[in-house]
Amino acid sequence: MPGKIFSAVFIIKKGIFVGKEINTLELANWGRKLVERHFLEMDSWLISYSIPRAEARYETLLRKNPEILQQIPLKHIATYLWITPQSLSRIRAEYRKRKTKYKT
């Protein structure tokens, strides 16, 4: 399948941390960096996707991940963009119309 999307999942048993002190500096730093990175990604995502209009969010998604439309159902993309599938359909039609208008 061309253009696969890869993800990584880390599983850490809850019992390792519950009721125990994290006694290694390396593990504590790893946890801090993980939380910081997640916070920065969420902050960036909120700024990128919550402020602009739906059309701008769609265009940003296309610019950053053009292959995503071929791999993920549109209803999931609509949910990700915080719009209805019907709105996404309208936005896509308008985007295609603008794109062909500028090509001719």
PDB file of N, CA and C in Angstrom:
ATOM      1  N   MET A   1       0.853  -1.177   0.000  1.00  0.00           N
ATOM      2  CA  MET A   1       0.000   0.000   0.000  1.00  0.00           C
ATOM      3  C   MET A   1       0.894   1.233   0.000  1.00  0.00           C
ATOM      4  N   PRO A   2       0.876   2.053  -1.066  1.00  0.00           N
ATOM      5  CA  PRO A   2       1.760   3.211  -1.152  1.00  0.00           C
ATOM      6  C   PRO A   2       1.368   4.287  -0.150  1.00  0.00           C
ATOM      7  N   GLY A   3       2.369   5.010   0.325  1.00  0.00           N
ATOM      8  CA  GLY A   3       2.131   6.129   1.221  1.00  0.00           C
ATOM      9  C   GLY A   3       1.573   5.738   2.574  1.00  0.00           C
ATOM     10  N   LYS A   4       2.109   4.710   3.163  1.00  0.00           N
ATOM     11  CA  LYS A   4       1.617   4.272   4.473  1.00  0.00           C
ATOM     12  C   LYS A   4       1.901   5.333   5.530  1.00  0.00           C
ATOM     13  N   ILE A   5       1.035   5.403   6.511  1.00  0.00           N
ATOM     14  CA  ILE A   5       1.232   6.292   7.651  1.00  0.00           C
ATOM     15  C   ILE A   5       1.694   5.421   8.810  1.00  0.00           C
ATOM     16  N   PHE A   6       2.835   5.749   9.363  1.00  0.00           N
ATOM     17  CA  PHE A   6       3.389   4.968  10.459  1.00  0.00           C
ATOM     18  C   PHE A   6       3.153   5.674  11.791  1.00  0.00           C
ATOM     19  N   SER A   7       2.889   4.911  12.803  1.00  0.00           N
ATOM     20  CA  SER A   7       2.695   5.424  14.154  1.00  0.00           C
ATOM     21  C   SER A   7       3.482   4.569  15.125  1.00  0.00           C
ATOM     22  N   ALA A   8       3.771   5.135  16.267  1.00  0.00           N
ATOM     23  CA  ALA A   8       4.447   4.390  17.324  1.00  0.00           C
ATOM     24  C   ALA A   8       3.596   4.465  18.577  1.00  0.00           C
ATOM     25  N   VAL A   9       3.486   3.343  19.259  1.00  0.00           N
ATOM     26  CA  VAL A   9       2.724   3.282  20.505  1.00  0.00           C
ATOM     27  C   VAL A   9       3.638   2.724  21.576  1.00  0.00           C
ATOM     28  N   PHE A  10       3.696   3.417  22.688  1.00  0.00           N
ATOM     29  CA  PHE A  10       4.485   2.957  23.816  1.00  0.00           C
ATOM     30  C   PHE A  10       3.525   2.549  24.920  1.00  0.00           C
ATOM     31  N   ILE A  11       3.719   1.360  25.443  1.00  0.00           N
ATOM     32  CA  ILE A  11       2.874   0.874  26.523  1.00  0.00           C
ATOM     33  C   ILE A  11       3.741   0.749  27.776  1.00  0.00           C
ATOM     34  N   ILE A  12       3.315   1.449  28.811  1.00  0.00           N
ATOM     35  CA  ILE A  12       4.030   1.403  30.081  1.00  0.00           C
ATOM     36  C   ILE A  12       3.021   0.956  31.128  1.00  0.00           C
ATOM     37  N   LYS A  13       3.334  -0.093  31.810  1.00  0.00           N
ATOM     38  CA  LYS A  13       2.417  -0.602  32.818  1.00  0.00           C
ATOM     39  C   LYS A  13       2.258   0.410  33.945  1.00  0.00           C
ATOM     40  N   LYS A  14       1.013   0.631  34.322  1.00  0.00           N
ATOM     41  CA  LYS A  14       0.680   1.604  35.346  1.00  0.00           C
ATOM     42  C   LYS A  14       1.366   1.278  36.680  1.00  0.00           C
ATOM     43  N   GLY A  15       1.512   0.015  36.980  1.00  0.00           N
ATOM     44  CA  GLY A  15       2.100  -0.408  38.251  1.00  0.00           C
ATOM     45  C   GLY A  15       3.532   0.056  38.456  1.00  0.00           C
ATOM     46  N   ILE A  16       4.219   0.335  37.362  1.00  0.00           N
ATOM     47  CA  ILE A  16       5.607   0.801  37.479  1.00  0.00           C
ATOM     48  C   ILE A  16       5.661   2.142  38.195  1.00  0.00           C
ATOM     49  N   PHE A  17       4.644   2.983  37.974  1.00  0.00           N
ATOM     50  CA  PHE A  17       4.672   4.343  38.511  1.00  0.00           C
ATOM     51  C   PHE A  17       3.802   4.540  39.751  1.00  0.00           C
ATOM     52  N   VAL A  18       2.760   3.747  39.903  1.00  0.00           N
ATOM     53  CA  VAL A  18       1.829   3.953  41.001  1.00  0.00           C
ATOM     54  C   VAL A  18       2.482   3.586  42.329  1.00  0.00           C
ATOM     55  N   GLY A  19       2.473   4.528  43.239  1.00  0.00           N
ATOM     56  CA  GLY A  19       2.990   4.290  44.584  1.00  0.00           C
ATOM     57  C   GLY A  19       4.491   4.157  44.670  1.00  0.00           C
ATOM     58  N   LYS A  20       5.203   4.474  43.627  1.00  0.00           N
ATOM     59  CA  LYS A  20       6.653   4.368  43.638  1.00  0.00           C
ATOM     60  C   LYS A  20       7.259   5.701  43.235  1.00  0.00           C
ATOM     61  N   GLU A  21       8.392   5.970  43.785  1.00  0.00           N
ATOM     62  CA  GLU A  21       9.129   7.157  43.396  1.00  0.00           C
ATOM     63  C   GLU A  21       9.893   6.856  42.121  1.00  0.00           C
ATOM     64  N   ILE A  22       9.903   7.818  41.230  1.00  0.00           N
ATOM     65  CA  ILE A  22      10.741   7.658  40.050  1.00  0.00           C
ATOM     66  C   ILE A  22      12.145   8.010  40.513  1.00  0.00           C
ATOM     67  N   ASN A  23      12.990   7.002  40.567  1.00  0.00           N
ATOM     68  CA  ASN A  23      14.288   7.209  41.195  1.00  0.00           C
ATOM     69  C   ASN A  23      15.423   7.438  40.210  1.00  0.00           C
ATOM     70  N   THR A  24      15.138   7.442  38.942  1.00  0.00           N
ATOM     71  CA  THR A  24      16.222   7.710  38.012  1.00  0.00           C
ATOM     72  C   THR A  24      15.970   9.026  37.307  1.00  0.00           C
ATOM     73  N   LEU A  25      16.973   9.805  37.223  1.00  0.00           N
ATOM     74  CA  LEU A  25      16.893  11.099  36.562  1.00  0.00           C
ATOM     75  C   LEU A  25      16.552  10.930  35.078  1.00  0.00           C
ATOM     76  N   GLU A  26      17.098   9.892  34.480  1.00  0.00           N
ATOM     77  CA  GLU A  26      16.848   9.651  33.061  1.00  0.00           C
ATOM     78  C   GLU A  26      15.361   9.410  32.794  1.00  0.00           C
ATOM     79  N   LEU A  27      14.715   8.608  33.617  1.00  0.00           N
ATOM     80  CA  LEU A  27      13.291   8.329  33.438  1.00  0.00           C
ATOM     81  C   LEU A  27      12.459   9.583  33.694  1.00  0.00           C
ATOM     82  N   ALA A  28      12.819  10.347  34.697  1.00  0.00           N
ATOM     83  CA  ALA A  28      12.103  11.583  35.001  1.00  0.00           C
ATOM     84  C   ALA A  28      12.232  12.568  33.840  1.00  0.00           C
ATOM     85  N   ASN A  29      13.420  12.697  33.282  1.00  0.00           N
ATOM     86  CA  ASN A  29      13.621  13.596  32.146  1.00  0.00           C
ATOM     87  C   ASN A  29      12.856  13.120  30.916  1.00  0.00           C
ATOM     88  N   TRP A  30      12.841  11.804  30.700  1.00  0.00           N
ATOM     89  CA  TRP A  30      12.092  11.254  29.581  1.00  0.00           C
ATOM     90  C   TRP A  30      10.612  11.617  29.700  1.00  0.00           C
ATOM     91  N   GLY A  31      10.055  11.439  30.887  1.00  0.00           N
ATOM     92  CA  GLY A  31       8.648  11.764  31.110  1.00  0.00           C
ATOM     93  C   GLY A  31       8.371  13.244  30.903  1.00  0.00           C
ATOM     94  N   ARG A  32       9.249  14.089  31.391  1.00  0.00           N
ATOM     95  CA  ARG A  32       9.082  15.534  31.228  1.00  0.00           C
ATOM     96  C   ARG A  32       9.128  15.916  29.750  1.00  0.00           C
ATOM     97  N   LYS A  33      10.097  15.365  29.018  1.00  0.00           N
ATOM     98  CA  LYS A  33      10.222  15.679  27.596  1.00  0.00           C
ATOM     99  C   LYS A  33       9.000  15.186  26.809  1.00  0.00           C
ATOM    100  N   LEU A  34       8.491  14.022  27.181  1.00  0.00           N
ATOM    101  CA  LEU A  34       7.306  13.488  26.515  1.00  0.00           C
ATOM    102  C   LEU A  34       6.110  14.418  26.719  1.00  0.00           C
ATOM    103  N   VAL A  35       5.910  14.865  27.938  1.00  0.00           N
ATOM    104  CA  VAL A  35       4.799  15.769  28.236  1.00  0.00           C
ATOM    105  C   VAL A  35       5.001  17.111  27.531  1.00  0.00           C
ATOM    106  N   GLU A  36       6.214  17.637  27.552  1.00  0.00           N
ATOM    107  CA  GLU A  36       6.493  18.907  26.875  1.00  0.00           C
ATOM    108  C   GLU A  36       6.209  18.810  25.385  1.00  0.00           C
ATOM    109  N   ARG A  37       6.685  17.735  24.753  1.00  0.00           N
ATOM    110  CA  ARG A  37       6.477  17.574  23.319  1.00  0.00           C
ATOM    111  C   ARG A  37       4.990  17.478  22.996  1.00  0.00           C
ATOM    112  N   HIS A  38       4.262  16.695  23.806  1.00  0.00           N
ATOM    113  CA  HIS A  38       2.825  16.559  23.581  1.00  0.00           C
ATOM    114  C   HIS A  38       2.126  17.906  23.741  1.00  0.00           C
ATOM    115  N   PHE A  39       2.508  18.664  24.763  1.00  0.00           N
ATOM    116  CA  PHE A  39       1.911  19.972  24.998  1.00  0.00           C
ATOM    117  C   PHE A  39       2.176  20.903  23.819  1.00  0.00           C
ATOM    118  N   LEU A  40       3.413  20.928  23.312  1.00  0.00           N
ATOM    119  CA  LEU A  40       3.747  21.800  22.181  1.00  0.00           C
ATOM    120  C   LEU A  40       3.003  21.391  20.920  1.00  0.00           C
ATOM    121  N   GLU A  41       2.855  20.083  20.688  1.00  0.00           N
ATOM    122  CA  GLU A  41       2.098  19.617  19.526  1.00  0.00           C
ATOM    123  C   GLU A  41       0.629  20.014  19.632  1.00  0.00           C
ATOM    124  N   MET A  42       0.044  19.858  20.821  1.00  0.00           N
ATOM    125  CA  MET A  42      -1.352  20.244  21.016  1.00  0.00           C
ATOM    126  C   MET A  42      -1.530  21.749  20.854  1.00  0.00           C
ATOM    127  N   ASP A  43      -0.592  22.521  21.397  1.00  0.00           N
ATOM    128  CA  ASP A  43      -0.650  23.971  21.287  1.00  0.00           C
ATOM    129  C   ASP A  43      -0.589  24.381  19.819  1.00  0.00           C
ATOM    130  N   SER A  44       0.322  23.796  19.083  1.00  0.00           N
ATOM    131  CA  SER A  44       0.461  24.095  17.660  1.00  0.00           C
ATOM    132  C   SER A  44      -0.803  23.695  16.904  1.00  0.00           C
ATOM    133  N   TRP A  45      -1.346  22.534  17.236  1.00  0.00           N
ATOM    134  CA  TRP A  45      -2.557  22.061  16.572  1.00  0.00           C
ATOM    135  C   TRP A  45      -3.723  23.004  16.849  1.00  0.00           C
ATOM    136  N   LEU A  46      -3.885  23.432  18.107  1.00  0.00           N
ATOM    137  CA  LEU A  46      -4.979  24.336  18.447  1.00  0.00           C
ATOM    138  C   LEU A  46      -4.854  25.664  17.710  1.00  0.00           C
ATOM    139  N   ILE A  47      -3.643  26.176  17.636  1.00  0.00           N
ATOM    140  CA  ILE A  47      -3.436  27.441  16.933  1.00  0.00           C
ATOM    141  C   ILE A  47      -3.718  27.267  15.450  1.00  0.00           C
ATOM    142  N   SER A  48      -3.245  26.168  14.876  1.00  0.00           N
ATOM    143  CA  SER A  48      -3.401  25.934  13.443  1.00  0.00           C
ATOM    144  C   SER A  48      -4.837  25.625  13.038  1.00  0.00           C
ATOM    145  N   TYR A  49      -5.559  24.889  13.875  1.00  0.00           N
ATOM    146  CA  TYR A  49      -6.852  24.380  13.440  1.00  0.00           C
ATOM    147  C   TYR A  49      -8.063  24.993  14.128  1.00  0.00           C
ATOM    148  N   SER A  50      -7.915  25.655  15.240  1.00  0.00           N
ATOM    149  CA  SER A  50      -9.111  26.169  15.897  1.00  0.00           C
ATOM    150  C   SER A  50      -9.414  27.605  15.518  1.00  0.00           C
ATOM    151  N   ILE A  51      -8.430  28.369  15.140  1.00  0.00           N
ATOM    152  CA  ILE A  51      -8.650  29.771  14.829  1.00  0.00           C
ATOM    153  C   ILE A  51      -9.102  29.989  13.384  1.00  0.00           C
ATOM    154  N   PRO A  52      -8.400  29.422  12.390  1.00  0.00           N
ATOM    155  CA  PRO A  52      -8.785  29.694  10.999  1.00  0.00           C
ATOM    156  C   PRO A  52     -10.154  29.113  10.650  1.00  0.00           C
ATOM    157  N   ARG A  53     -10.708  29.633   9.584  1.00  0.00           N
ATOM    158  CA  ARG A  53     -11.973  29.106   9.078  1.00  0.00           C
ATOM    159  C   ARG A  53     -11.757  27.697   8.547  1.00  0.00           C
ATOM    160  N   ALA A  54     -12.851  26.993   8.350  1.00  0.00           N
ATOM    161  CA  ALA A  54     -12.787  25.600   7.893  1.00  0.00           C
ATOM    162  C   ALA A  54     -12.031  25.471   6.568  1.00  0.00           C
ATOM    163  N   GLU A  55     -12.232  26.407   5.666  1.00  0.00           N
ATOM    164  CA  GLU A  55     -11.549  26.356   4.372  1.00  0.00           C
ATOM    165  C   GLU A  55     -10.035  26.426   4.556  1.00  0.00           C
ATOM    166  N   ALA A  56      -9.605  27.300   5.444  1.00  0.00           N
ATOM    167  CA  ALA A  56      -8.169  27.452   5.708  1.00  0.00           C
ATOM    168  C   ALA A  56      -7.610  26.201   6.379  1.00  0.00           C
ATOM    169  N   ARG A  57      -8.384  25.593   7.273  1.00  0.00           N
ATOM    170  CA  ARG A  57      -7.931  24.366   7.929  1.00  0.00           C
ATOM    171  C   ARG A  57      -7.768  23.248   6.895  1.00  0.00           C
ATOM    172  N   TYR A  58      -8.712  23.154   5.955  1.00  0.00           N
ATOM    173  CA  TYR A  58      -8.647  22.142   4.905  1.00  0.00           C
ATOM    174  C   TYR A  58      -7.409  22.367   4.034  1.00  0.00           C
ATOM    175  N   GLU A  59      -7.170  23.607   3.636  1.00  0.00           N
ATOM    176  CA  GLU A  59      -6.018  23.911   2.789  1.00  0.00           C
ATOM    177  C   GLU A  59      -4.701  23.642   3.516  1.00  0.00           C
ATOM    178  N   THR A  60      -4.655  23.920   4.815  1.00  0.00           N
ATOM    179  CA  THR A  60      -3.458  23.623   5.603  1.00  0.00           C
ATOM    180  C   THR A  60      -3.220  22.115   5.649  1.00  0.00           C
ATOM    181  N   LEU A  61      -4.283  21.364   5.845  1.00  0.00           N
ATOM    182  CA  LEU A  61      -4.163  19.902   5.866  1.00  0.00           C
ATOM    183  C   LEU A  61      -3.653  19.383   4.521  1.00  0.00           C
ATOM    184  N   LEU A  62      -4.188  19.914   3.427  1.00  0.00           N
ATOM    185  CA  LEU A  62      -3.729  19.499   2.100  1.00  0.00           C
ATOM    186  C   LEU A  62      -2.262  19.842   1.873  1.00  0.00           C
ATOM    187  N   ARG A  63      -1.868  21.019   2.322  1.00  0.00           N
ATOM    188  CA  ARG A  63      -0.488  21.454   2.133  1.00  0.00           C
ATOM    189  C   ARG A  63       0.480  20.599   2.942  1.00  0.00           C
ATOM    190  N   LYS A  64       0.112  20.275   4.176  1.00  0.00           N
ATOM    191  CA  LYS A  64       1.014  19.516   5.048  1.00  0.00           C
ATOM    192  C   LYS A  64       0.975  18.013   4.782  1.00  0.00           C
ATOM    193  N   ASN A  65      -0.182  17.477   4.409  1.00  0.00           N
ATOM    194  CA  ASN A  65      -0.352  16.025   4.221  1.00  0.00           C
ATOM    195  C   ASN A  65      -1.221  15.740   3.000  1.00  0.00           C
ATOM    196  N   PRO A  66      -0.740  16.003   1.789  1.00  0.00           N
ATOM    197  CA  PRO A  66      -1.593  15.818   0.613  1.00  0.00           C
ATOM    198  C   PRO A  66      -2.045  14.377   0.393  1.00  0.00           C
ATOM    199  N   GLU A  67      -1.263  13.412   0.877  1.00  0.00           N
ATOM    200  CA  GLU A  67      -1.611  12.005   0.661  1.00  0.00           C
ATOM    201  C   GLU A  67      -2.717  11.517   1.587  1.00  0.00           C
ATOM    202  N   ILE A  68      -3.043  12.272   2.587  1.00  0.00           N
ATOM    203  CA  ILE A  68      -3.987  11.815   3.609  1.00  0.00           C
ATOM    204  C   ILE A  68      -5.390  11.584   3.050  1.00  0.00           C
ATOM    205  N   LEU A  69      -5.778  12.360   2.036  1.00  0.00           N
ATOM    206  CA  LEU A  69      -7.119  12.202   1.469  1.00  0.00           C
ATOM    207  C   LEU A  69      -7.299  10.862   0.770  1.00  0.00           C
ATOM    208  N   GLN A  70      -6.202  10.257   0.355  1.00  0.00           N
ATOM    209  CA  GLN A  70      -6.275   8.961  -0.316  1.00  0.00           C
ATOM    210  C   GLN A  70      -6.327   7.807   0.684  1.00  0.00           C
ATOM    211  N   GLN A  71      -5.972   8.070   1.933  1.00  0.00           N
ATOM    212  CA  GLN A  71      -5.798   6.989   2.901  1.00  0.00           C
ATOM    213  C   GLN A  71      -6.838   6.958   4.016  1.00  0.00           C
ATOM    214  N   ILE A  72      -7.482   8.073   4.261  1.00  0.00           N
ATOM    215  CA  ILE A  72      -8.395   8.159   5.399  1.00  0.00           C
ATOM    216  C   ILE A  72      -9.780   8.553   4.898  1.00  0.00           C
ATOM    217  N   PRO A  73     -10.833   7.907   5.378  1.00  0.00           N
ATOM    218  CA  PRO A  73     -12.188   8.259   4.947  1.00  0.00           C
ATOM    219  C   PRO A  73     -12.499   9.735   5.238  1.00  0.00           C
ATOM    220  N   LEU A  74     -13.247  10.335   4.333  1.00  0.00           N
ATOM    221  CA  LEU A  74     -13.550  11.763   4.449  1.00  0.00           C
ATOM    222  C   LEU A  74     -14.316  12.100   5.727  1.00  0.00           C
ATOM    223  N   LYS A  75     -15.130  11.160   6.214  1.00  0.00           N
ATOM    224  CA  LYS A  75     -15.870  11.459   7.446  1.00  0.00           C
ATOM    225  C   LYS A  75     -14.908  11.654   8.625  1.00  0.00           C
ATOM    226  N   HIS A  76     -13.777  10.942   8.620  1.00  0.00           N
ATOM    227  CA  HIS A  76     -12.792  11.107   9.687  1.00  0.00           C
ATOM    228  C   HIS A  76     -12.020  12.415   9.515  1.00  0.00           C
ATOM    229  N   ILE A  77     -11.746  12.766   8.268  1.00  0.00           N
ATOM    230  CA  ILE A  77     -11.074  14.043   8.011  1.00  0.00           C
ATOM    231  C   ILE A  77     -11.970  15.199   8.437  1.00  0.00           C
ATOM    232  N   ALA A  78     -13.262  15.090   8.149  1.00  0.00           N
ATOM    233  CA  ALA A  78     -14.212  16.128   8.559  1.00  0.00           C
ATOM    234  C   ALA A  78     -14.219  16.282  10.082  1.00  0.00           C
ATOM    235  N   THR A  79     -14.240  15.167  10.783  1.00  0.00           N
ATOM    236  CA  THR A  79     -14.209  15.220  12.245  1.00  0.00           C
ATOM    237  C   THR A  79     -12.925  15.879  12.736  1.00  0.00           C
ATOM    238  N   TYR A  80     -11.809  15.531  12.137  1.00  0.00           N
ATOM    239  CA  TYR A  80     -10.517  16.111  12.503  1.00  0.00           C
ATOM    240  C   TYR A  80     -10.513  17.631  12.306  1.00  0.00           C
ATOM    241  N   LEU A  81     -11.197  18.083  11.251  1.00  0.00           N
ATOM    242  CA  LEU A  81     -11.249  19.523  10.953  1.00  0.00           C
ATOM    243  C   LEU A  81     -12.375  20.240  11.700  1.00  0.00           C
ATOM    244  N   TRP A  82     -13.130  19.508  12.506  1.00  0.00           N
ATOM    245  CA  TRP A  82     -14.239  20.045  13.308  1.00  0.00           C
ATOM    246  C   TRP A  82     -15.370  20.574  12.432  1.00  0.00           C
ATOM    247  N   ILE A  83     -15.671  19.850  11.358  1.00  0.00           N
ATOM    248  CA  ILE A  83     -16.767  20.228  10.483  1.00  0.00           C
ATOM    249  C   ILE A  83     -17.562  18.973  10.136  1.00  0.00           C
ATOM    250  N   THR A  84     -18.737  19.184   9.543  1.00  0.00           N
ATOM    251  CA  THR A  84     -19.557  18.036   9.124  1.00  0.00           C
ATOM    252  C   THR A  84     -19.044  17.508   7.785  1.00  0.00           C
ATOM    253  N   PRO A  85     -19.332  16.245   7.476  1.00  0.00           N
ATOM    254  CA  PRO A  85     -18.954  15.719   6.161  1.00  0.00           C
ATOM    255  C   PRO A  85     -19.560  16.533   5.009  1.00  0.00           C
ATOM    256  N   GLN A  86     -20.775  17.055   5.212  1.00  0.00           N
ATOM    257  CA  GLN A  86     -21.412  17.872   4.180  1.00  0.00           C
ATOM    258  C   GLN A  86     -20.614  19.161   3.951  1.00  0.00           C
ATOM    259  N   SER A  87     -20.152  19.785   5.032  1.00  0.00           N
ATOM    260  CA  SER A  87     -19.342  21.001   4.896  1.00  0.00           C
ATOM    261  C   SER A  87     -18.029  20.694   4.195  1.00  0.00           C
ATOM    262  N   LEU A  88     -17.428  19.554   4.529  1.00  0.00           N
ATOM    263  CA  LEU A  88     -16.181  19.172   3.867  1.00  0.00           C
ATOM    264  C   LEU A  88     -16.415  18.967   2.372  1.00  0.00           C
ATOM    265  N   SER A  89     -17.517  18.355   2.011  1.00  0.00           N
ATOM    266  CA  SER A  89     -17.837  18.144   0.607  1.00  0.00           C
ATOM    267  C   SER A  89     -17.966  19.488  -0.116  1.00  0.00           C
ATOM    268  N   ARG A  90     -18.649  20.440   0.497  1.00  0.00           N
ATOM    269  CA  ARG A  90     -18.810  21.768  -0.089  1.00  0.00           C
ATOM    270  C   ARG A  90     -17.462  22.469  -0.240  1.00  0.00           C
ATOM    271  N   ILE A  91     -16.637  22.399   0.798  1.00  0.00           N
ATOM    272  CA  ILE A  91     -15.316  23.033   0.767  1.00  0.00           C
ATOM    273  C   ILE A  91     -14.449  22.419  -0.320  1.00  0.00           C
ATOM    274  N   ARG A  92     -14.492  21.097  -0.450  1.00  0.00           N
ATOM    275  CA  ARG A  92     -13.698  20.419  -1.484  1.00  0.00           C
ATOM    276  C   ARG A  92     -14.150  20.826  -2.885  1.00  0.00           C
ATOM    277  N   ALA A  93     -15.470  20.932  -3.076  1.00  0.00           N
ATOM    278  CA  ALA A  93     -15.991  21.342  -4.392  1.00  0.00           C
ATOM    279  C   ALA A  93     -15.548  22.763  -4.718  1.00  0.00           C
ATOM    280  N   GLU A  94     -15.632  23.665  -3.750  1.00  0.00           N
ATOM    281  CA  GLU A  94     -15.197  25.046  -3.969  1.00  0.00           C
ATOM    282  C   GLU A  94     -13.693  25.120  -4.222  1.00  0.00           C
ATOM    283  N   TYR A  95     -12.937  24.306  -3.508  1.00  0.00           N
ATOM    284  CA  TYR A  95     -11.479  24.282  -3.682  1.00  0.00           C
ATOM    285  C   TYR A  95     -11.121  23.814  -5.089  1.00  0.00           C
ATOM    286  N   ARG A  96     -11.781  22.733  -5.551  1.00  0.00           N
ATOM    287  CA  ARG A  96     -11.528  22.235  -6.912  1.00  0.00           C
ATOM    288  C   ARG A  96     -11.901  23.280  -7.956  1.00  0.00           C
ATOM    289  N   LYS A  97     -13.024  23.978  -7.738  1.00  0.00           N
ATOM    290  CA  LYS A  97     -13.474  25.001  -8.674  1.00  0.00           C
ATOM    291  C   LYS A  97     -12.446  26.143  -8.760  1.00  0.00           C
ATOM    292  N   ARG A  98     -11.948  26.579  -7.605  1.00  0.00           N
ATOM    293  CA  ARG A  98     -10.923  27.642  -7.589  1.00  0.00           C
ATOM    294  C   ARG A  98      -9.646  27.185  -8.262  1.00  0.00           C
ATOM    295  N   LYS A  99      -9.262  25.947  -7.983  1.00  0.00           N
ATOM    296  CA  LYS A  99      -8.021  25.405  -8.529  1.00  0.00           C
ATOM    297  C   LYS A  99      -8.081  25.332 -10.065  1.00  0.00           C
ATOM    298  N   THR A 100      -9.204  24.861 -10.613  1.00  0.00           N
ATOM    299  CA  THR A 100      -9.332  24.775 -12.066  1.00  0.00           C
ATOM    300  C   THR A 100      -9.469  26.168 -12.681  1.00  0.00           C
ATOM    301  N   LYS A 101     -10.064  27.095 -11.970  1.00  0.00           N
ATOM    302  CA  LYS A 101     -10.210  28.466 -12.458  1.00  0.00           C
ATOM    303  C   LYS A 101      -8.835  29.112 -12.672  1.00  0.00           C
ATOM    304  N   TYR A 102      -7.914  28.878 -11.743  1.00  0.00           N
ATOM    305  CA  TYR A 102      -6.574  29.477 -11.847  1.00  0.00           C
ATOM    306  C   TYR A 102      -5.692  28.754 -12.845  1.00  0.00           C
ATOM    307  N   LYS A 103      -6.012  27.502 -13.157  1.00  0.00           N
ATOM    308  CA  LYS A 103      -5.209  26.759 -14.135  1.00  0.00           C
ATOM    309  C   LYS A 103      -5.501  27.208 -15.562  1.00  0.00           C
ATOM    310  N   THR A 104      -6.756  27.598 -15.818  1.00  0.00           N
ATOM    311  CA  THR A 104      -7.128  27.986 -17.199  1.00  0.00           C
ATOM    312  C   THR A 104      -6.850  29.436 -17.479  1.00  0.00           C
TER     313      THR A 104
END
